[in-house]
Amino acid sequence: MVHGHRDFFHFSDSSFLLQSLSLRVLGLVDISLSLKMDSDCSYHYTDNFLIDPYEEELKEEKRRRKEIEKMKQHSDMVEFVADGQYGIPRRCPCGGSIKHDVSPSPKFKQDFDTQPGSRYFTCTKFKDDGLHFRQPWVFGVEQEIEKLVMKVKKQSKTIEEMRKKIQIQAEEIAKLKT
């Protein structure tokens, strides 16, 4: 729905004529158009857009949503780092590569029980912000060995099951031959 009105102003000194048109479009945006003619017959055109107060609320809501999304991504990244520090790290969640580092002395808050010369798996882009890997070498190797031992146990079970299946099939073949 569009509402509009026109105003014609003619000043007594005949120096210029001002014509303006105001519209209210769908009750949301006010548009004012003005056409001004000076005494030298040149025209000046101006637009005045009056912003609806609801638009400011929408912008604020959009800004809040972006901020919440950014906080959620940060929280997820911290969780990924915490969950990912198992075994020997291959890559950091930030995308950085992992280097083998030797600590000359405890310098970060997670260096709780280290002595000079301790070895670490460290992200090449490491900052002490909780978003990068810096894991003691001993913990990583210990966890990796545990993982490999579990894998060997699982494979030995699978091998034993396969041997039993082969033995059963060999017995069935022997029965069929006789």
Protein backbone atom coordinates (compact mmCIF):
# COMPACT_ATOMS: atom_id res chain seq x y z
CA MET A 1 0.00 0.00 0.00
CA VAL A 2 1.46 3.36 -1.01
CA HIS A 3 0.36 6.68 0.41
CA GLY A 4 1.61 9.90 -1.05
CA HIS A 5 1.12 13.61 -1.25
CA ARG A 6 2.60 16.47 -3.24
CA ASP A 7 3.41 19.91 -2.00
CA PHE A 8 4.06 22.86 -4.27
CA PHE A 9 5.77 25.86 -2.79
CA HIS A 10 6.12 29.07 -4.68
CA PHE A 11 8.02 31.75 -2.85
CA SER A 12 6.98 35.36 -3.14
CA ASP A 13 10.29 36.56 -4.48
CA SER A 14 9.98 34.17 -7.44
CA SER A 15 13.55 33.01 -6.92
CA PHE A 16 12.76 29.31 -7.01
CA LEU A 17 10.02 26.74 -7.09
CA LEU A 18 10.18 23.74 -4.78
CA GLN A 19 8.23 20.60 -5.49
CA SER A 20 8.37 17.66 -3.15
CA LEU A 21 6.83 14.24 -3.13
CA SER A 22 6.57 12.12 0.01
CA LEU A 23 5.69 8.45 -0.04
CA ARG A 24 5.11 5.91 2.67
CA VAL A 25 5.77 2.49 1.17
CA LEU A 26 4.10 -0.46 2.93
CA GLY A 27 4.33 1.42 6.20
CA LEU A 28 8.06 0.68 6.44
CA VAL A 29 10.09 3.32 4.62
CA ASP A 30 9.49 7.03 4.19
CA ILE A 31 10.79 8.42 0.91
CA SER A 32 10.97 12.12 0.25
CA LEU A 33 11.86 13.40 -3.20
CA SER A 34 12.45 17.05 -3.83
CA LEU A 35 12.91 18.96 -7.04
CA LYS A 36 14.17 22.48 -6.68
CA MET A 37 14.50 25.03 -9.46
CA ASP A 38 16.71 28.03 -8.87
CA SER A 39 16.30 31.40 -10.48
CA ASP A 40 18.92 30.45 -13.07
CA CYS A 41 16.68 27.53 -14.16
CA SER A 42 18.99 24.82 -12.80
CA TYR A 43 17.42 21.89 -10.98
CA HIS A 44 18.59 20.31 -7.73
CA TYR A 45 17.33 16.85 -6.82
CA THR A 46 17.55 15.44 -3.31
CA ASP A 47 16.51 12.13 -1.73
CA ASN A 48 15.77 11.88 1.95
CA PHE A 49 15.22 8.33 3.15
CA LEU A 50 13.92 8.06 6.67
CA ILE A 51 14.88 4.66 8.07
CA ASP A 52 12.26 2.68 9.90
CA PRO A 53 13.12 1.98 13.57
CA TYR A 54 12.46 -1.73 13.01
CA GLU A 55 15.39 -1.83 10.60
CA GLU A 56 17.77 -0.88 13.43
CA GLU A 57 16.33 -3.68 15.57
CA LEU A 58 16.86 -6.15 12.71
CA LYS A 59 20.48 -5.02 12.31
CA GLU A 60 21.06 -5.43 16.05
CA GLU A 61 19.48 -8.91 16.01
CA LYS A 62 21.68 -9.91 13.05
CA ARG A 63 24.78 -8.61 14.87
CA ARG A 64 23.82 -10.60 17.99
CA ARG A 65 23.32 -13.78 15.95
CA LYS A 66 26.76 -13.37 14.34
CA GLU A 67 28.31 -12.85 17.77
CA ILE A 68 26.59 -15.95 19.18
CA GLU A 69 27.71 -18.00 16.15
CA LYS A 70 31.29 -16.79 16.63
CA MET A 71 31.19 -17.76 20.33
CA LYS A 72 29.79 -21.21 19.42
CA GLN A 73 32.56 -21.77 16.85
CA HIS A 74 35.18 -20.82 19.47
CA SER A 75 33.61 -23.21 21.99
CA ASP A 76 33.52 -26.00 19.41
CA MET A 77 37.17 -25.41 18.51
CA VAL A 78 38.24 -25.63 22.18
CA GLU A 79 36.26 -28.89 22.45
CA PHE A 80 37.92 -30.26 19.28
CA VAL A 81 41.35 -29.50 20.72
CA ALA A 82 40.49 -31.16 24.03
CA ASP A 83 39.06 -34.25 22.30
CA GLY A 84 41.86 -34.41 19.76
CA GLN A 85 44.74 -34.61 22.21
CA TYR A 86 44.90 -38.38 22.19
CA GLY A 87 47.89 -40.26 20.93
CA ILE A 88 50.47 -38.71 18.66
CA PRO A 89 48.89 -35.72 16.93
CA ARG A 90 49.24 -35.54 13.14
CA ARG A 91 47.82 -32.03 12.60
CA CYS A 92 46.51 -29.28 14.83
CA PRO A 93 42.79 -28.37 14.52
CA CYS A 94 43.90 -24.91 13.33
CA GLY A 95 45.50 -26.59 10.30
CA GLY A 96 49.07 -26.12 11.49
CA SER A 97 51.58 -28.93 11.33
CA ILE A 98 53.02 -30.61 14.43
CA LYS A 99 56.68 -30.30 15.33
CA HIS A 100 58.74 -32.10 17.96
CA ASP A 101 59.76 -29.55 20.54
CA VAL A 102 62.11 -29.71 23.53
CA SER A 103 61.25 -27.41 26.42
CA PRO A 104 64.23 -25.60 27.93
CA SER A 105 62.10 -24.70 30.97
CA PRO A 106 58.41 -24.60 31.93
CA LYS A 107 57.01 -21.50 30.23
CA PHE A 108 53.30 -22.23 29.67
CA LYS A 109 50.55 -22.90 32.20
CA GLN A 110 50.11 -26.48 30.96
CA ASP A 111 53.77 -27.23 31.78
CA PHE A 112 52.64 -28.41 35.21
CA ASP A 113 55.06 -31.26 35.84
CA THR A 114 57.84 -30.76 33.37
CA GLN A 115 61.54 -30.55 33.80
CA PRO A 116 63.97 -28.83 31.47
CA GLY A 117 64.53 -30.96 28.40
CA SER A 118 60.99 -32.36 28.26
CA ARG A 119 59.79 -33.24 24.76
CA TYR A 120 56.49 -32.03 23.28
CA PHE A 121 54.31 -32.36 20.23
CA THR A 122 53.64 -28.69 19.45
CA CYS A 123 51.65 -26.89 16.76
CA THR A 124 53.88 -24.70 14.60
CA LYS A 125 51.40 -21.82 15.12
CA PHE A 126 51.12 -22.40 18.88
CA LYS A 127 49.74 -19.64 21.10
CA ASP A 128 48.75 -20.30 24.70
CA ASP A 129 45.02 -19.77 24.00
CA GLY A 130 43.67 -23.32 24.20
CA LEU A 131 43.13 -23.61 20.44
CA HIS A 132 46.41 -25.33 19.54
CA PHE A 133 48.14 -28.59 20.46
CA ARG A 134 51.03 -28.68 22.88
CA GLN A 135 51.11 -32.15 24.31
CA PRO A 136 53.89 -33.80 26.32
CA TRP A 137 55.67 -36.39 24.19
CA VAL A 138 55.39 -39.05 26.91
CA PHE A 139 51.58 -38.77 27.06
CA GLY A 140 51.23 -38.96 23.29
CA VAL A 141 53.51 -41.97 22.91
CA GLU A 142 51.89 -43.76 25.87
CA GLN A 143 48.41 -43.27 24.43
CA GLU A 144 49.58 -44.33 20.97
CA ILE A 145 51.06 -47.55 22.42
CA GLU A 146 47.77 -48.25 24.25
CA LYS A 147 45.89 -47.75 20.99
CA LEU A 148 48.25 -50.09 19.11
CA VAL A 149 47.99 -52.77 21.84
CA MET A 150 44.17 -52.64 21.60
CA LYS A 151 44.44 -52.97 17.81
CA VAL A 152 46.74 -56.02 18.11
CA LYS A 153 44.35 -57.67 20.61
CA LYS A 154 41.41 -57.07 18.27
CA GLN A 155 43.35 -58.48 15.30
CA SER A 156 44.43 -61.55 17.28
CA LYS A 157 40.76 -62.21 18.13
CA THR A 158 39.87 -61.85 14.45
CA ILE A 159 42.68 -64.25 13.46
CA GLU A 160 41.47 -66.81 16.02
CA GLU A 161 37.88 -66.54 14.71
CA MET A 162 39.12 -66.99 11.13
CA ARG A 163 41.11 -70.09 12.12
CA LYS A 164 37.97 -71.60 13.67
CA LYS A 165 35.94 -70.83 10.52
CA ILE A 166 38.64 -72.35 8.31
CA GLN A 167 38.75 -75.48 10.49
CA ILE A 168 34.92 -75.82 10.32
CA GLN A 169 34.95 -75.39 6.53
CA ALA A 170 37.78 -77.92 6.19
CA GLU A 171 35.74 -80.45 8.20
CA GLU A 172 32.66 -79.78 6.00
CA ILE A 173 34.73 -80.28 2.85
CA ALA A 174 36.12 -83.54 4.25
CA LYS A 175 32.54 -84.75 4.96
CA LEU A 176 31.45 -83.89 1.43
CA LYS A 177 34.36 -85.85 -0.07
CA THR A 178 33.46 -89.01 1.80
